[in-house]
């Protein structure tokens, strides 16, 4: 059954451990640059290529939900977190996109939003070639940095050369294009935020206020003795 909506939908996955303001800026600027009607955040249940998240999946989901509760144009998909509650199987992006396709139908344009570093590692992803049949890929780059994948002789380089497009291409097909777009460079990482919290230091203005309230209420990311 198709969900209502026909505009170009952006999909932003991640562990969001925790969600921080650079995630929100990426979503805002992707919406503007790519002409997206909405950006849907998809918190990972069991990420396959990263260390186990420090925070439980339900808490990570709750932080995203609270951060986006009052922001128009942004929504949360709990599907990966709910699936992880039933099975410890890895949350592969290709399976997430297959689920999104079933939800939105074969014709709605979907755009998987990735950072340039993640895109450069795409060949290590599970069934990576199938991603292009399921969604477009929007690649966030730093201003002034020309998009480069490799030396020009990898399978991903060939896909990039064949599929590279511009934002106006996205609405014309449900999937298949790779569109780079520049975003404001913010040197903020979840790792640094977790380290500051473990040391009892402030992360105000690095995370949304709703996320900070949730972290403080639940005493997340603290060391056992609060040091």
Protein backbone atom coordinates (compact mmCIF):
# COMPACT_ATOMS: atom_id res chain seq x y z
CA UNK A 1 0.00 0.00 0.00
CA UNK A 2 1.41 3.36 -1.04
CA UNK A 3 1.79 6.13 1.44
CA UNK A 4 0.31 9.48 0.46
CA UNK A 5 2.82 11.82 -1.12
CA UNK A 6 4.36 12.17 -4.53
CA UNK A 7 7.14 14.71 -4.08
CA UNK A 8 10.84 13.89 -3.95
CA UNK A 9 11.55 12.28 -0.56
CA UNK A 10 14.99 12.39 1.07
CA UNK A 11 16.12 9.56 3.34
CA UNK A 12 18.83 10.21 5.93
CA UNK A 13 20.07 7.16 7.78
CA UNK A 14 22.52 7.03 10.64
CA UNK A 15 23.13 5.77 14.14
CA UNK A 16 22.34 9.25 15.56
CA UNK A 17 24.26 8.38 18.73
CA UNK A 18 23.27 11.12 19.46
CA UNK A 19 21.60 13.28 16.83
CA UNK A 20 23.45 16.62 16.57
CA UNK A 21 23.10 19.92 14.77
CA UNK A 22 25.30 18.91 11.82
CA UNK A 23 22.74 16.17 11.03
CA UNK A 24 20.00 18.79 11.02
CA UNK A 25 22.00 21.19 8.83
CA UNK A 26 22.63 18.39 6.35
CA UNK A 27 18.90 17.69 6.18
CA UNK A 28 17.99 21.39 5.85
CA UNK A 29 20.53 22.05 3.12
CA UNK A 30 19.71 18.83 1.25
CA UNK A 31 16.07 19.88 1.20
CA UNK A 32 16.97 23.25 -0.26
CA UNK A 33 19.64 22.10 -2.72
CA UNK A 34 17.82 19.03 -4.05
CA UNK A 35 14.23 20.30 -3.99
CA UNK A 36 13.04 17.67 -1.52
CA UNK A 37 9.50 17.90 -0.18
CA UNK A 38 10.56 16.13 3.01
CA UNK A 39 13.55 14.51 4.69
CA UNK A 40 12.88 11.33 6.62
CA UNK A 41 15.42 10.33 9.28
CA UNK A 42 16.01 6.57 9.58
CA UNK A 43 17.84 5.66 12.82
CA UNK A 44 19.83 2.45 12.39
CA UNK A 45 18.82 -0.57 14.40
CA UNK A 46 22.00 -2.66 14.17
CA UNK A 47 24.52 -0.87 11.91
CA UNK A 48 26.67 -3.45 10.05
CA UNK A 49 29.83 -1.43 9.39
CA UNK A 50 30.21 0.46 12.67
CA UNK A 51 30.85 -0.32 16.30
CA UNK A 52 27.81 -1.12 18.41
CA UNK A 53 26.12 2.20 19.28
CA UNK A 54 26.70 3.34 22.84
CA UNK A 55 23.05 4.23 23.30
CA UNK A 56 20.15 1.78 23.01
CA UNK A 57 18.21 1.89 19.74
CA UNK A 58 15.00 3.01 21.46
CA UNK A 59 16.80 5.95 23.09
CA UNK A 60 18.41 6.97 19.79
CA UNK A 61 15.02 6.84 18.10
CA UNK A 62 13.42 8.86 20.88
CA UNK A 63 16.08 11.57 20.61
CA UNK A 64 15.43 11.95 16.87
CA UNK A 65 11.68 11.99 17.39
CA UNK A 66 11.90 14.71 20.02
CA UNK A 67 14.33 16.83 17.99
CA UNK A 68 12.06 16.78 14.93
CA UNK A 69 8.71 17.02 16.70
CA UNK A 70 8.23 20.73 15.94
CA UNK A 71 10.14 20.95 12.64
CA UNK A 72 7.98 20.95 9.48
CA UNK A 73 9.36 19.04 6.54
CA UNK A 74 11.14 16.42 8.63
CA UNK A 75 9.92 13.05 9.89
CA UNK A 76 11.23 9.86 11.48
CA UNK A 77 11.02 6.28 10.25
CA UNK A 78 11.25 3.83 13.18
CA UNK A 79 11.37 0.75 10.94
CA UNK A 80 15.00 -0.26 11.48
CA UNK A 81 14.80 0.20 15.24
CA UNK A 82 11.59 -1.82 15.45
CA UNK A 83 13.10 -4.56 13.29
CA UNK A 84 16.20 -4.68 15.50
CA UNK A 85 13.97 -5.27 18.50
CA UNK A 86 12.76 -8.48 16.84
CA UNK A 87 16.03 -9.60 15.24
CA UNK A 88 19.74 -8.82 15.75
CA UNK A 89 20.34 -8.96 11.98
CA UNK A 90 22.31 -6.01 10.55
CA UNK A 91 20.36 -3.00 9.28
CA UNK A 92 21.47 -3.03 5.66
CA UNK A 93 20.67 0.09 3.63
CA UNK A 94 19.49 -1.95 0.66
CA UNK A 95 16.84 -3.64 2.84
CA UNK A 96 15.76 -0.27 4.22
CA UNK A 97 15.34 1.09 0.69
CA UNK A 98 13.38 -2.01 -0.33
CA UNK A 99 11.04 -1.35 2.59
CA UNK A 100 10.72 2.31 1.59
CA UNK A 101 9.86 1.24 -1.96
CA UNK A 102 7.09 -1.02 -0.69
CA UNK A 103 5.78 1.85 1.41
CA UNK A 104 5.91 4.56 -1.26
CA UNK A 105 5.38 2.58 -4.43
CA UNK A 106 7.61 2.15 -7.51
CA UNK A 107 7.25 5.65 -8.95
CA UNK A 108 7.92 8.09 -6.13
CA UNK A 109 11.42 9.61 -6.35
CA UNK A 110 13.51 8.65 -3.31
CA UNK A 111 16.91 10.16 -2.54
CA UNK A 112 19.34 8.43 -0.18
CA UNK A 113 21.42 11.18 1.47
CA UNK A 114 25.07 10.37 2.15
CA UNK A 115 28.20 12.25 3.11
CA UNK A 116 31.06 12.16 0.63
CA UNK A 117 33.13 9.89 2.92
CA UNK A 118 30.34 7.34 3.18
CA UNK A 119 29.74 7.44 -0.57
CA UNK A 120 33.44 6.80 -1.25
CA UNK A 121 33.12 3.53 0.73
CA UNK A 122 29.95 2.42 -1.06
CA UNK A 123 31.57 -0.63 -2.67
CA UNK A 124 31.95 -2.18 0.81
CA UNK A 125 28.20 -2.01 1.37
CA UNK A 126 25.93 -5.06 1.17
CA UNK A 127 24.44 -5.43 -2.37
CA UNK A 128 25.59 -1.89 -3.15
CA UNK A 129 24.86 -2.01 -6.88
CA UNK A 130 21.17 -2.59 -6.14
CA UNK A 131 20.89 0.77 -4.38
CA UNK A 132 20.72 2.62 -7.70
CA UNK A 133 17.56 0.78 -8.77
CA UNK A 134 15.87 1.70 -5.50
CA UNK A 135 16.77 5.38 -5.04
CA UNK A 136 18.79 8.31 -6.25
CA UNK A 137 21.83 9.16 -4.13
CA UNK A 138 22.50 12.72 -2.97
CA UNK A 139 26.11 13.18 -1.89
CA UNK A 140 26.88 16.03 0.52
CA UNK A 141 30.24 17.66 -0.19
CA UNK A 142 32.16 20.54 1.38
CA UNK A 143 32.04 23.86 -0.46
CA UNK A 144 34.89 24.17 -2.94
CA UNK A 145 35.69 20.46 -2.91
CA UNK A 146 35.16 18.83 -6.30
CA UNK A 147 33.46 15.45 -5.97
CA UNK A 148 36.00 12.70 -6.53
CA UNK A 149 35.47 9.03 -5.88
CA UNK A 150 38.76 7.36 -6.76
CA UNK A 151 41.38 7.19 -9.45
CA UNK A 152 38.79 6.64 -12.14
CA UNK A 153 39.19 2.89 -12.46
CA UNK A 154 36.88 1.44 -9.79
CA UNK A 155 33.37 0.12 -10.22
CA UNK A 156 32.06 3.03 -8.16
CA UNK A 157 33.91 5.54 -10.37
CA UNK A 158 32.17 4.03 -13.39
CA UNK A 159 28.76 4.24 -11.72
CA UNK A 160 29.40 7.85 -10.70
CA UNK A 161 30.44 8.85 -14.21
CA UNK A 162 27.40 7.18 -15.76
CA UNK A 163 24.83 8.34 -13.22
CA UNK A 164 25.99 11.83 -12.26
CA UNK A 165 23.14 14.31 -12.49
CA UNK A 166 21.80 17.57 -11.14
CA UNK A 167 19.01 18.35 -8.71
CA UNK A 168 16.43 18.95 -11.43
CA UNK A 169 16.87 15.33 -12.61
CA UNK A 170 15.53 13.86 -9.37
CA UNK A 171 11.82 14.50 -9.86
CA UNK A 172 11.86 12.94 -13.33
CA UNK A 173 12.63 9.36 -12.27
CA UNK A 174 12.19 7.27 -9.12
CA UNK A 175 15.87 6.25 -8.85
CA UNK A 176 19.22 5.98 -10.54
CA UNK A 177 20.97 9.37 -10.38
CA UNK A 178 23.94 10.46 -8.25
CA UNK A 179 23.78 14.18 -7.41
CA UNK A 180 26.53 15.93 -5.43
CA UNK A 181 25.57 19.05 -3.48
CA UNK A 182 27.64 21.35 -1.28
CA UNK A 183 26.78 21.91 2.37
CA UNK A 184 28.13 24.09 5.15
CA UNK A 185 31.10 22.35 6.77
CA UNK A 186 30.47 21.81 10.48
CA UNK A 187 33.20 20.06 12.47
CA UNK A 188 30.84 18.29 14.83
CA UNK A 189 30.87 14.56 15.50
CA UNK A 190 28.87 12.26 17.72
CA UNK A 191 32.16 10.80 18.98
CA UNK A 192 33.31 14.16 20.35
CA UNK A 193 29.87 14.79 21.86
CA UNK A 194 29.94 11.44 23.66
CA UNK A 195 33.45 12.12 24.92
CA UNK A 196 32.43 15.53 26.29
CA UNK A 197 29.40 14.06 28.03
CA UNK A 198 31.50 11.28 29.57
CA UNK A 199 33.77 13.98 31.04
CA UNK A 200 30.83 15.98 32.37
CA UNK A 201 31.34 18.82 29.86
CA UNK A 202 28.57 20.81 28.17
CA UNK A 203 27.29 19.92 24.69
CA UNK A 204 24.79 22.76 24.52
CA UNK A 205 24.47 24.16 20.96
CA UNK A 206 26.08 20.99 19.59
CA UNK A 207 22.82 19.06 19.92
CA UNK A 208 19.22 20.31 19.73
CA UNK A 209 17.76 21.41 23.06
CA UNK A 210 15.26 18.54 23.01
CA UNK A 211 18.11 16.04 22.62
CA UNK A 212 20.09 17.67 25.44
CA UNK A 213 17.03 17.51 27.72
CA UNK A 214 16.57 13.82 26.91
CA UNK A 215 20.26 13.05 27.53
CA UNK A 216 20.26 14.89 30.86
CA UNK A 217 16.98 13.37 32.03
CA UNK A 218 18.17 9.84 31.30
CA UNK A 219 21.82 10.47 32.20
CA UNK A 220 22.97 9.01 28.90
CA UNK A 221 26.63 8.75 27.87
CA UNK A 222 27.85 9.35 31.41
CA UNK A 223 30.64 7.34 32.96
CA UNK A 224 29.49 5.15 35.88
CA UNK A 225 30.89 7.65 38.38
CA UNK A 226 29.96 10.77 36.41
CA UNK A 227 33.60 11.77 35.76
